[in-house]
């Protein structure tokens, strides 16, 4: 009985949580257009296409958990990828780094 009460209490606290899903955006530091594919731990895929050079996109939201980002860069044969764990109430910037070969990095304020 006590265990059921504790579980019910925890479930009700979770339901009342003010946690906001993590949010992320893309910053393209390269000189070429980028298409970014974001795979979330919930099985969803978010595509952010045609990110021009020197552009910072608006934020997108995903469920907390593992995020896998892959960039397809115009006129490049390399498609860099990166994985990270996104936590509720956090913001992330996926940066397409201007390097050879191209890479991705994660910034979190």
C-alpha atoms as a PDB file:
ATOM      1  CA  UNK A   1       0.000   0.000   0.000  1.00  0.00           C
ATOM      2  CA  UNK A   2       2.758   2.454   0.911  1.00  0.00           C
ATOM      3  CA  UNK A   3       4.633   1.791  -2.359  1.00  0.00           C
ATOM      4  CA  UNK A   4       1.468   2.453  -4.365  1.00  0.00           C
ATOM      5  CA  UNK A   5       0.957   5.719  -2.511  1.00  0.00           C
ATOM      6  CA  UNK A   6       4.543   6.820  -3.210  1.00  0.00           C
ATOM      7  CA  UNK A   7       4.205   5.933  -6.899  1.00  0.00           C
ATOM      8  CA  UNK A   8       0.935   7.853  -7.155  1.00  0.00           C
ATOM      9  CA  UNK A   9       2.505  10.874  -5.451  1.00  0.00           C
ATOM     10  CA  UNK A  10       5.508  10.825  -7.783  1.00  0.00           C
ATOM     11  CA  UNK A  11       3.257  10.493 -10.833  1.00  0.00           C
ATOM     12  CA  UNK A  12       1.153  13.461  -9.743  1.00  0.00           C
ATOM     13  CA  UNK A  13       4.272  15.573  -9.134  1.00  0.00           C
ATOM     14  CA  UNK A  14       5.548  14.687 -12.601  1.00  0.00           C
ATOM     15  CA  UNK A  15       2.219  15.696 -14.136  1.00  0.00           C
ATOM     16  CA  UNK A  16       2.422  19.090 -12.406  1.00  0.00           C
ATOM     17  CA  UNK A  17       6.002  19.682 -13.485  1.00  0.00           C
ATOM     18  CA  UNK A  18       6.849  23.010 -15.067  1.00  0.00           C
ATOM     19  CA  UNK A  19       9.741  21.488 -17.025  1.00  0.00           C
ATOM     20  CA  UNK A  20       9.988  22.752 -20.581  1.00  0.00           C
ATOM     21  CA  UNK A  21      11.251  20.435 -23.314  1.00  0.00           C
ATOM     22  CA  UNK A  22      14.810  21.139 -24.398  1.00  0.00           C
ATOM     23  CA  UNK A  23      15.186  23.425 -27.365  1.00  0.00           C
ATOM     24  CA  UNK A  24      17.848  23.584 -30.026  1.00  0.00           C
ATOM     25  CA  UNK A  25      18.799  25.661 -33.035  1.00  0.00           C
ATOM     26  CA  UNK A  26      21.403  25.489 -35.808  1.00  0.00           C
ATOM     27  CA  UNK A  27      24.191  27.952 -36.527  1.00  0.00           C
ATOM     28  CA  UNK A  28      25.951  27.593 -39.871  1.00  0.00           C
ATOM     29  CA  UNK A  29      29.523  28.930 -39.690  1.00  0.00           C
ATOM     30  CA  UNK A  30      30.448  27.470 -43.107  1.00  0.00           C
ATOM     31  CA  UNK A  31      30.269  29.241 -46.437  1.00  0.00           C
ATOM     32  CA  UNK A  32      27.801  26.732 -47.945  1.00  0.00           C
ATOM     33  CA  UNK A  33      24.136  25.923 -47.371  1.00  0.00           C
ATOM     34  CA  UNK A  34      23.362  23.138 -44.856  1.00  0.00           C
ATOM     35  CA  UNK A  35      20.482  20.702 -44.345  1.00  0.00           C
ATOM     36  CA  UNK A  36      20.334  19.401 -40.761  1.00  0.00           C
ATOM     37  CA  UNK A  37      18.584  16.193 -39.723  1.00  0.00           C
ATOM     38  CA  UNK A  38      17.821  15.836 -36.009  1.00  0.00           C
ATOM     39  CA  UNK A  39      16.816  12.421 -34.627  1.00  0.00           C
ATOM     40  CA  UNK A  40      15.354  12.402 -31.120  1.00  0.00           C
ATOM     41  CA  UNK A  41      15.236   9.611 -28.565  1.00  0.00           C
ATOM     42  CA  UNK A  42      11.450   9.629 -28.972  1.00  0.00           C
ATOM     43  CA  UNK A  43      11.855   8.406 -32.549  1.00  0.00           C
ATOM     44  CA  UNK A  44      10.986  11.722 -34.194  1.00  0.00           C
ATOM     45  CA  UNK A  45      13.045  13.332 -36.931  1.00  0.00           C
ATOM     46  CA  UNK A  46      13.210  17.083 -37.393  1.00  0.00           C
ATOM     47  CA  UNK A  47      14.647  18.463 -40.628  1.00  0.00           C
ATOM     48  CA  UNK A  48      15.980  22.013 -40.764  1.00  0.00           C
ATOM     49  CA  UNK A  49      16.709  22.634 -44.421  1.00  0.00           C
ATOM     50  CA  UNK A  50      18.460  25.333 -46.426  1.00  0.00           C
ATOM     51  CA  UNK A  51      20.345  26.962 -43.559  1.00  0.00           C
ATOM     52  CA  UNK A  52      22.388  29.603 -45.361  1.00  0.00           C
ATOM     53  CA  UNK A  53      25.952  30.563 -44.415  1.00  0.00           C
ATOM     54  CA  UNK A  54      26.247  32.740 -41.275  1.00  0.00           C
ATOM     55  CA  UNK A  55      22.610  32.054 -40.274  1.00  0.00           C
ATOM     56  CA  UNK A  56      21.246  31.152 -36.833  1.00  0.00           C
ATOM     57  CA  UNK A  57      17.854  29.390 -37.027  1.00  0.00           C
ATOM     58  CA  UNK A  58      14.887  29.695 -34.703  1.00  0.00           C
ATOM     59  CA  UNK A  59      14.577  27.237 -31.830  1.00  0.00           C
ATOM     60  CA  UNK A  60      12.905  23.841 -32.229  1.00  0.00           C
ATOM     61  CA  UNK A  61      11.722  21.644 -29.340  1.00  0.00           C
ATOM     62  CA  UNK A  62      12.262  17.931 -28.690  1.00  0.00           C
ATOM     63  CA  UNK A  63      11.651  15.529 -25.836  1.00  0.00           C
ATOM     64  CA  UNK A  64      14.500  15.218 -23.330  1.00  0.00           C
ATOM     65  CA  UNK A  65      16.986  12.466 -24.161  1.00  0.00           C
ATOM     66  CA  UNK A  66      19.518  11.591 -26.804  1.00  0.00           C
ATOM     67  CA  UNK A  67      19.731  13.832 -29.867  1.00  0.00           C
ATOM     68  CA  UNK A  68      21.614  12.791 -33.019  1.00  0.00           C
ATOM     69  CA  UNK A  69      22.347  15.574 -35.501  1.00  0.00           C
ATOM     70  CA  UNK A  70      23.683  15.058 -39.030  1.00  0.00           C
ATOM     71  CA  UNK A  71      24.550  17.853 -41.461  1.00  0.00           C
ATOM     72  CA  UNK A  72      24.463  17.541 -45.232  1.00  0.00           C
ATOM     73  CA  UNK A  73      26.591  20.397 -46.528  1.00  0.00           C
ATOM     74  CA  UNK A  74      26.235  21.688 -50.078  1.00  0.00           C
ATOM     75  CA  UNK A  75      29.240  20.721 -52.261  1.00  0.00           C
ATOM     76  CA  UNK A  76      30.774  18.542 -49.512  1.00  0.00           C
ATOM     77  CA  UNK A  77      31.213  14.768 -49.523  1.00  0.00           C
ATOM     78  CA  UNK A  78      31.472  14.611 -45.719  1.00  0.00           C
ATOM     79  CA  UNK A  79      28.297  14.663 -43.603  1.00  0.00           C
ATOM     80  CA  UNK A  80      29.402  15.381 -40.037  1.00  0.00           C
ATOM     81  CA  UNK A  81      27.324  14.049 -37.154  1.00  0.00           C
ATOM     82  CA  UNK A  82      27.203  14.554 -33.403  1.00  0.00           C
ATOM     83  CA  UNK A  83      25.211  13.125 -30.514  1.00  0.00           C
ATOM     84  CA  UNK A  84      24.364  14.693 -27.181  1.00  0.00           C
ATOM     85  CA  UNK A  85      21.931  14.344 -24.300  1.00  0.00           C
ATOM     86  CA  UNK A  86      19.340  17.121 -24.090  1.00  0.00           C
ATOM     87  CA  UNK A  87      17.845  17.979 -20.706  1.00  0.00           C
ATOM     88  CA  UNK A  88      14.568  19.723 -19.900  1.00  0.00           C
ATOM     89  CA  UNK A  89      14.757  23.500 -19.512  1.00  0.00           C
ATOM     90  CA  UNK A  90      18.022  23.683 -21.489  1.00  0.00           C
ATOM     91  CA  UNK A  91      18.885  25.370 -24.801  1.00  0.00           C
ATOM     92  CA  UNK A  92      21.437  24.083 -27.298  1.00  0.00           C
ATOM     93  CA  UNK A  93      23.028  25.435 -30.454  1.00  0.00           C
ATOM     94  CA  UNK A  94      24.267  22.888 -33.003  1.00  0.00           C
ATOM     95  CA  UNK A  95      27.153  24.593 -34.764  1.00  0.00           C
ATOM     96  CA  UNK A  96      28.337  23.632 -38.241  1.00  0.00           C
ATOM     97  CA  UNK A  97      32.020  24.421 -37.729  1.00  0.00           C
ATOM     98  CA  UNK A  98      34.038  25.982 -40.534  1.00  0.00           C
ATOM     99  CA  UNK A  99      36.840  23.399 -40.442  1.00  0.00           C
ATOM    100  CA  UNK A 100      38.485  20.862 -42.730  1.00  0.00           C
ATOM    101  CA  UNK A 101      36.904  18.362 -42.686  1.00  0.00           C
ATOM    102  CA  UNK A 102      33.638  19.956 -41.541  1.00  0.00           C
ATOM    103  CA  UNK A 103      32.524  19.095 -38.008  1.00  0.00           C
ATOM    104  CA  UNK A 104      29.644  19.821 -35.646  1.00  0.00           C
ATOM    105  CA  UNK A 105      29.834  21.120 -32.101  1.00  0.00           C
ATOM    106  CA  UNK A 106      27.274  21.787 -29.365  1.00  0.00           C
ATOM    107  CA  UNK A 107      27.021  25.049 -27.470  1.00  0.00           C
ATOM    108  CA  UNK A 108      24.856  25.418 -24.416  1.00  0.00           C
ATOM    109  CA  UNK A 109      24.558  28.782 -22.661  1.00  0.00           C
END
